[in-house]
Amino acid sequence: MTIFSKRKCSLDTYKMEADYGVDPLWCSKCGYNLDIDDFPLSDELKSELMN
């Protein structure tokens, strides 16, 4: 089960924002921090976003 099935928000719009200790992807509607591993991104892109 992914985070998308646990939340009431549709989590269909995103923003990228740096923060220490958490993944850089956020729901732009409710502000929930999203797990980068729930997205179909290459390992290289995930690494670049985390840096």
PDB file of N, CA and C in Angstrom:
ATOM      1  N   MET A   1       0.843  -1.177   0.000  1.00  0.00           N
ATOM      2  CA  MET A   1       0.000   0.000   0.000  1.00  0.00           C
ATOM      3  C   MET A   1       0.890   1.242   0.000  1.00  0.00           C
ATOM      4  N   THR A   2       0.653   2.141  -0.930  1.00  0.00           N
ATOM      5  CA  THR A   2       1.445   3.369  -0.997  1.00  0.00           C
ATOM      6  C   THR A   2       0.757   4.475  -0.214  1.00  0.00           C
ATOM      7  N   ILE A   3       1.453   5.564  -0.040  1.00  0.00           N
ATOM      8  CA  ILE A   3       0.908   6.719   0.673  1.00  0.00           C
ATOM      9  C   ILE A   3      -0.328   7.257  -0.032  1.00  0.00           C
ATOM     10  N   PHE A   4      -0.413   7.074  -1.357  1.00  0.00           N
ATOM     11  CA  PHE A   4      -1.536   7.619  -2.111  1.00  0.00           C
ATOM     12  C   PHE A   4      -2.859   6.990  -1.691  1.00  0.00           C
ATOM     13  N   SER A   5      -2.860   5.747  -1.274  1.00  0.00           N
ATOM     14  CA  SER A   5      -4.099   5.100  -0.864  1.00  0.00           C
ATOM     15  C   SER A   5      -4.419   5.350   0.614  1.00  0.00           C
ATOM     16  N   LYS A   6      -3.512   5.952   1.361  1.00  0.00           N
ATOM     17  CA  LYS A   6      -3.721   6.190   2.789  1.00  0.00           C
ATOM     18  C   LYS A   6      -4.281   7.589   3.075  1.00  0.00           C
ATOM     19  N   ARG A   7      -4.084   8.526   2.172  1.00  0.00           N
ATOM     20  CA  ARG A   7      -4.436   9.919   2.415  1.00  0.00           C
ATOM     21  C   ARG A   7      -5.770  10.280   1.791  1.00  0.00           C
ATOM     22  N   LYS A   8      -6.474  11.230   2.389  1.00  0.00           N
ATOM     23  CA  LYS A   8      -7.721  11.722   1.810  1.00  0.00           C
ATOM     24  C   LYS A   8      -7.451  12.708   0.686  1.00  0.00           C
ATOM     25  N   CYS A   9      -6.351  13.432   0.745  1.00  0.00           N
ATOM     26  CA  CYS A   9      -5.965  14.360  -0.320  1.00  0.00           C
ATOM     27  C   CYS A   9      -5.633  13.538  -1.568  1.00  0.00           C
ATOM     28  N   SER A  10      -5.920  14.077  -2.729  1.00  0.00           N
ATOM     29  CA  SER A  10      -5.667  13.333  -3.970  1.00  0.00           C
ATOM     30  C   SER A  10      -4.183  13.266  -4.321  1.00  0.00           C
ATOM     31  N   LEU A  11      -3.367  14.125  -3.717  1.00  0.00           N
ATOM     32  CA  LEU A  11      -1.915  14.135  -3.948  1.00  0.00           C
ATOM     33  C   LEU A  11      -1.580  14.116  -5.436  1.00  0.00           C
ATOM     34  N   ASP A  12      -2.266  14.974  -6.207  1.00  0.00           N
ATOM     35  CA  ASP A  12      -2.046  14.969  -7.644  1.00  0.00           C
ATOM     36  C   ASP A  12      -1.277  16.180  -8.168  1.00  0.00           C
ATOM     37  N   THR A  13      -0.883  17.071  -7.282  1.00  0.00           N
ATOM     38  CA  THR A  13       0.001  18.169  -7.660  1.00  0.00           C
ATOM     39  C   THR A  13       1.135  18.218  -6.648  1.00  0.00           C
ATOM     40  N   TYR A  14       2.339  18.473  -7.144  1.00  0.00           N
ATOM     41  CA  TYR A  14       3.529  18.345  -6.308  1.00  0.00           C
ATOM     42  C   TYR A  14       4.380  19.594  -6.364  1.00  0.00           C
ATOM     43  N   LYS A  15       5.198  19.751  -5.346  1.00  0.00           N
ATOM     44  CA  LYS A  15       6.224  20.790  -5.347  1.00  0.00           C
ATOM     45  C   LYS A  15       7.503  20.182  -4.807  1.00  0.00           C
ATOM     46  N   MET A  16       8.607  20.736  -5.246  1.00  0.00           N
ATOM     47  CA  MET A  16       9.905  20.283  -4.761  1.00  0.00           C
ATOM     48  C   MET A  16      10.447  21.378  -3.855  1.00  0.00           C
ATOM     49  N   GLU A  17      10.824  20.982  -2.652  1.00  0.00           N
ATOM     50  CA  GLU A  17      11.295  21.937  -1.666  1.00  0.00           C
ATOM     51  C   GLU A  17      12.321  21.269  -0.774  1.00  0.00           C
ATOM     52  N   ALA A  18      13.443  21.920  -0.600  1.00  0.00           N
ATOM     53  CA  ALA A  18      14.511  21.357   0.225  1.00  0.00           C
ATOM     54  C   ALA A  18      14.143  21.439   1.707  1.00  0.00           C
ATOM     55  N   ASP A  19      14.484  20.376   2.429  1.00  0.00           N
ATOM     56  CA  ASP A  19      14.284  20.330   3.876  1.00  0.00           C
ATOM     57  C   ASP A  19      15.252  19.276   4.411  1.00  0.00           C
ATOM     58  N   TYR A  20      15.833  19.526   5.552  1.00  0.00           N
ATOM     59  CA  TYR A  20      16.781  18.571   6.119  1.00  0.00           C
ATOM     60  C   TYR A  20      16.062  17.375   6.714  1.00  0.00           C
ATOM     61  N   GLY A  21      16.520  16.182   6.358  1.00  0.00           N
ATOM     62  CA  GLY A  21      16.016  14.973   6.976  1.00  0.00           C
ATOM     63  C   GLY A  21      14.775  14.359   6.360  1.00  0.00           C
ATOM     64  N   VAL A  22      14.217  14.978   5.320  1.00  0.00           N
ATOM     65  CA  VAL A  22      13.036  14.415   4.661  1.00  0.00           C
ATOM     66  C   VAL A  22      13.217  14.476   3.151  1.00  0.00           C
ATOM     67  N   ASP A  23      12.374  13.747   2.440  1.00  0.00           N
ATOM     68  CA  ASP A  23      12.419  13.759   0.978  1.00  0.00           C
ATOM     69  C   ASP A  23      11.977  15.124   0.443  1.00  0.00           C
ATOM     70  N   PRO A  24      12.456  15.514  -0.748  1.00  0.00           N
ATOM     71  CA  PRO A  24      12.202  16.862  -1.267  1.00  0.00           C
ATOM     72  C   PRO A  24      10.862  17.043  -1.976  1.00  0.00           C
ATOM     73  N   LEU A  25      10.000  16.038  -1.985  1.00  0.00           N
ATOM     74  CA  LEU A  25       8.731  16.146  -2.704  1.00  0.00           C
ATOM     75  C   LEU A  25       7.571  16.316  -1.729  1.00  0.00           C
ATOM     76  N   TRP A  26       6.677  17.256  -2.051  1.00  0.00           N
ATOM     77  CA  TRP A  26       5.569  17.617  -1.182  1.00  0.00           C
ATOM     78  C   TRP A  26       4.288  17.729  -1.992  1.00  0.00           C
ATOM     79  N   CYS A  27       3.163  17.457  -1.364  1.00  0.00           N
ATOM     80  CA  CYS A  27       1.869  17.715  -1.986  1.00  0.00           C
ATOM     81  C   CYS A  27       1.656  19.228  -1.939  1.00  0.00           C
ATOM     82  N   SER A  28       1.350  19.828  -3.086  1.00  0.00           N
ATOM     83  CA  SER A  28       1.164  21.279  -3.090  1.00  0.00           C
ATOM     84  C   SER A  28      -0.208  21.690  -2.556  1.00  0.00           C
ATOM     85  N   LYS A  29      -1.111  20.723  -2.362  1.00  0.00           N
ATOM     86  CA  LYS A  29      -2.435  21.039  -1.805  1.00  0.00           C
ATOM     87  C   LYS A  29      -2.438  20.975  -0.281  1.00  0.00           C
ATOM     88  N   CYS A  30      -1.997  19.838   0.288  1.00  0.00           N
ATOM     89  CA  CYS A  30      -2.108  19.658   1.745  1.00  0.00           C
ATOM     90  C   CYS A  30      -0.773  19.824   2.468  1.00  0.00           C
ATOM     91  N   GLY A  31       0.350  19.901   1.724  1.00  0.00           N
ATOM     92  CA  GLY A  31       1.647  20.106   2.344  1.00  0.00           C
ATOM     93  C   GLY A  31       2.295  18.855   2.899  1.00  0.00           C
ATOM     94  N   TYR A  32       1.728  17.679   2.603  1.00  0.00           N
ATOM     95  CA  TYR A  32       2.262  16.414   3.109  1.00  0.00           C
ATOM     96  C   TYR A  32       3.579  16.067   2.416  1.00  0.00           C
ATOM     97  N   ASN A  33       4.573  15.643   3.195  1.00  0.00           N
ATOM     98  CA  ASN A  33       5.858  15.218   2.630  1.00  0.00           C
ATOM     99  C   ASN A  33       5.694  13.833   2.014  1.00  0.00           C
ATOM    100  N   LEU A  34       6.096  13.683   0.754  1.00  0.00           N
ATOM    101  CA  LEU A  34       5.911  12.444   0.002  1.00  0.00           C
ATOM    102  C   LEU A  34       7.199  11.637  -0.055  1.00  0.00           C
ATOM    103  N   ASP A  35       7.066  10.344  -0.035  1.00  0.00           N
ATOM    104  CA  ASP A  35       8.206   9.435  -0.113  1.00  0.00           C
ATOM    105  C   ASP A  35       8.672   9.350  -1.556  1.00  0.00           C
ATOM    106  N   ILE A  36       9.910   9.728  -1.807  1.00  0.00           N
ATOM    107  CA  ILE A  36      10.452   9.745  -3.158  1.00  0.00           C
ATOM    108  C   ILE A  36      10.414   8.357  -3.813  1.00  0.00           C
ATOM    109  N   ASP A  37      10.453   7.305  -2.993  1.00  0.00           N
ATOM    110  CA  ASP A  37      10.419   5.940  -3.536  1.00  0.00           C
ATOM    111  C   ASP A  37       9.042   5.546  -4.068  1.00  0.00           C
ATOM    112  N   ASP A  38       8.005   6.339  -3.790  1.00  0.00           N
ATOM    113  CA  ASP A  38       6.677   6.081  -4.335  1.00  0.00           C
ATOM    114  C   ASP A  38       6.527   6.594  -5.769  1.00  0.00           C
ATOM    115  N   PHE A  39       7.564   7.268  -6.278  1.00  0.00           N
ATOM    116  CA  PHE A  39       7.512   7.823  -7.630  1.00  0.00           C
ATOM    117  C   PHE A  39       8.384   7.002  -8.573  1.00  0.00           C
ATOM    118  N   PRO A  40       7.947   6.841  -9.823  1.00  0.00           N
ATOM    119  CA  PRO A  40       8.726   6.066 -10.792  1.00  0.00           C
ATOM    120  C   PRO A  40       9.879   6.884 -11.386  1.00  0.00           C
ATOM    121  N   LEU A  41      10.872   7.161 -10.551  1.00  0.00           N
ATOM    122  CA  LEU A  41      12.034   7.950 -10.962  1.00  0.00           C
ATOM    123  C   LEU A  41      13.265   7.055 -10.990  1.00  0.00           C
ATOM    124  N   SER A  42      14.209   7.413 -11.854  1.00  0.00           N
ATOM    125  CA  SER A  42      15.451   6.643 -11.906  1.00  0.00           C
ATOM    126  C   SER A  42      16.240   6.867 -10.611  1.00  0.00           C
ATOM    127  N   ASP A  43      17.095   5.919 -10.288  1.00  0.00           N
ATOM    128  CA  ASP A  43      17.941   6.055  -9.098  1.00  0.00           C
ATOM    129  C   ASP A  43      18.821   7.296  -9.203  1.00  0.00           C
ATOM    130  N   GLU A  44      19.290   7.600 -10.410  1.00  0.00           N
ATOM    131  CA  GLU A  44      20.134   8.780 -10.622  1.00  0.00           C
ATOM    132  C   GLU A  44      19.359  10.063 -10.306  1.00  0.00           C
ATOM    133  N   LEU A  45      18.135  10.161 -10.789  1.00  0.00           N
ATOM    134  CA  LEU A  45      17.324  11.358 -10.527  1.00  0.00           C
ATOM    135  C   LEU A  45      16.980  11.456  -9.047  1.00  0.00           C
ATOM    136  N   LYS A  46      16.644  10.352  -8.401  1.00  0.00           N
ATOM    137  CA  LYS A  46      16.371  10.366  -6.960  1.00  0.00           C
ATOM    138  C   LYS A  46      17.576  10.884  -6.191  1.00  0.00           C
ATOM    139  N   SER A  47      18.747  10.415  -6.571  1.00  0.00           N
ATOM    140  CA  SER A  47      19.976  10.862  -5.903  1.00  0.00           C
ATOM    141  C   SER A  47      20.199  12.350  -6.095  1.00  0.00           C
ATOM    142  N   GLU A  48      19.983  12.843  -7.307  1.00  0.00           N
ATOM    143  CA  GLU A  48      20.158  14.265  -7.579  1.00  0.00           C
ATOM    144  C   GLU A  48      19.162  15.112  -6.788  1.00  0.00           C
ATOM    145  N   LEU A  49      17.924  14.662  -6.706  1.00  0.00           N
ATOM    146  CA  LEU A  49      16.920  15.419  -5.949  1.00  0.00           C
ATOM    147  C   LEU A  49      17.245  15.420  -4.467  1.00  0.00           C
ATOM    148  N   MET A  50      17.733  14.320  -3.930  1.00  0.00           N
ATOM    149  CA  MET A  50      18.076  14.252  -2.511  1.00  0.00           C
ATOM    150  C   MET A  50      19.289  15.125  -2.180  1.00  0.00           C
ATOM    151  N   ASN A  51      20.176  15.313  -3.137  1.00  0.00           N
ATOM    152  CA  ASN A  51      21.346  16.169  -2.910  1.00  0.00           C
ATOM    153  C   ASN A  51      20.989  17.620  -3.072  1.00  0.00           C
TER     154      ASN A  51
END
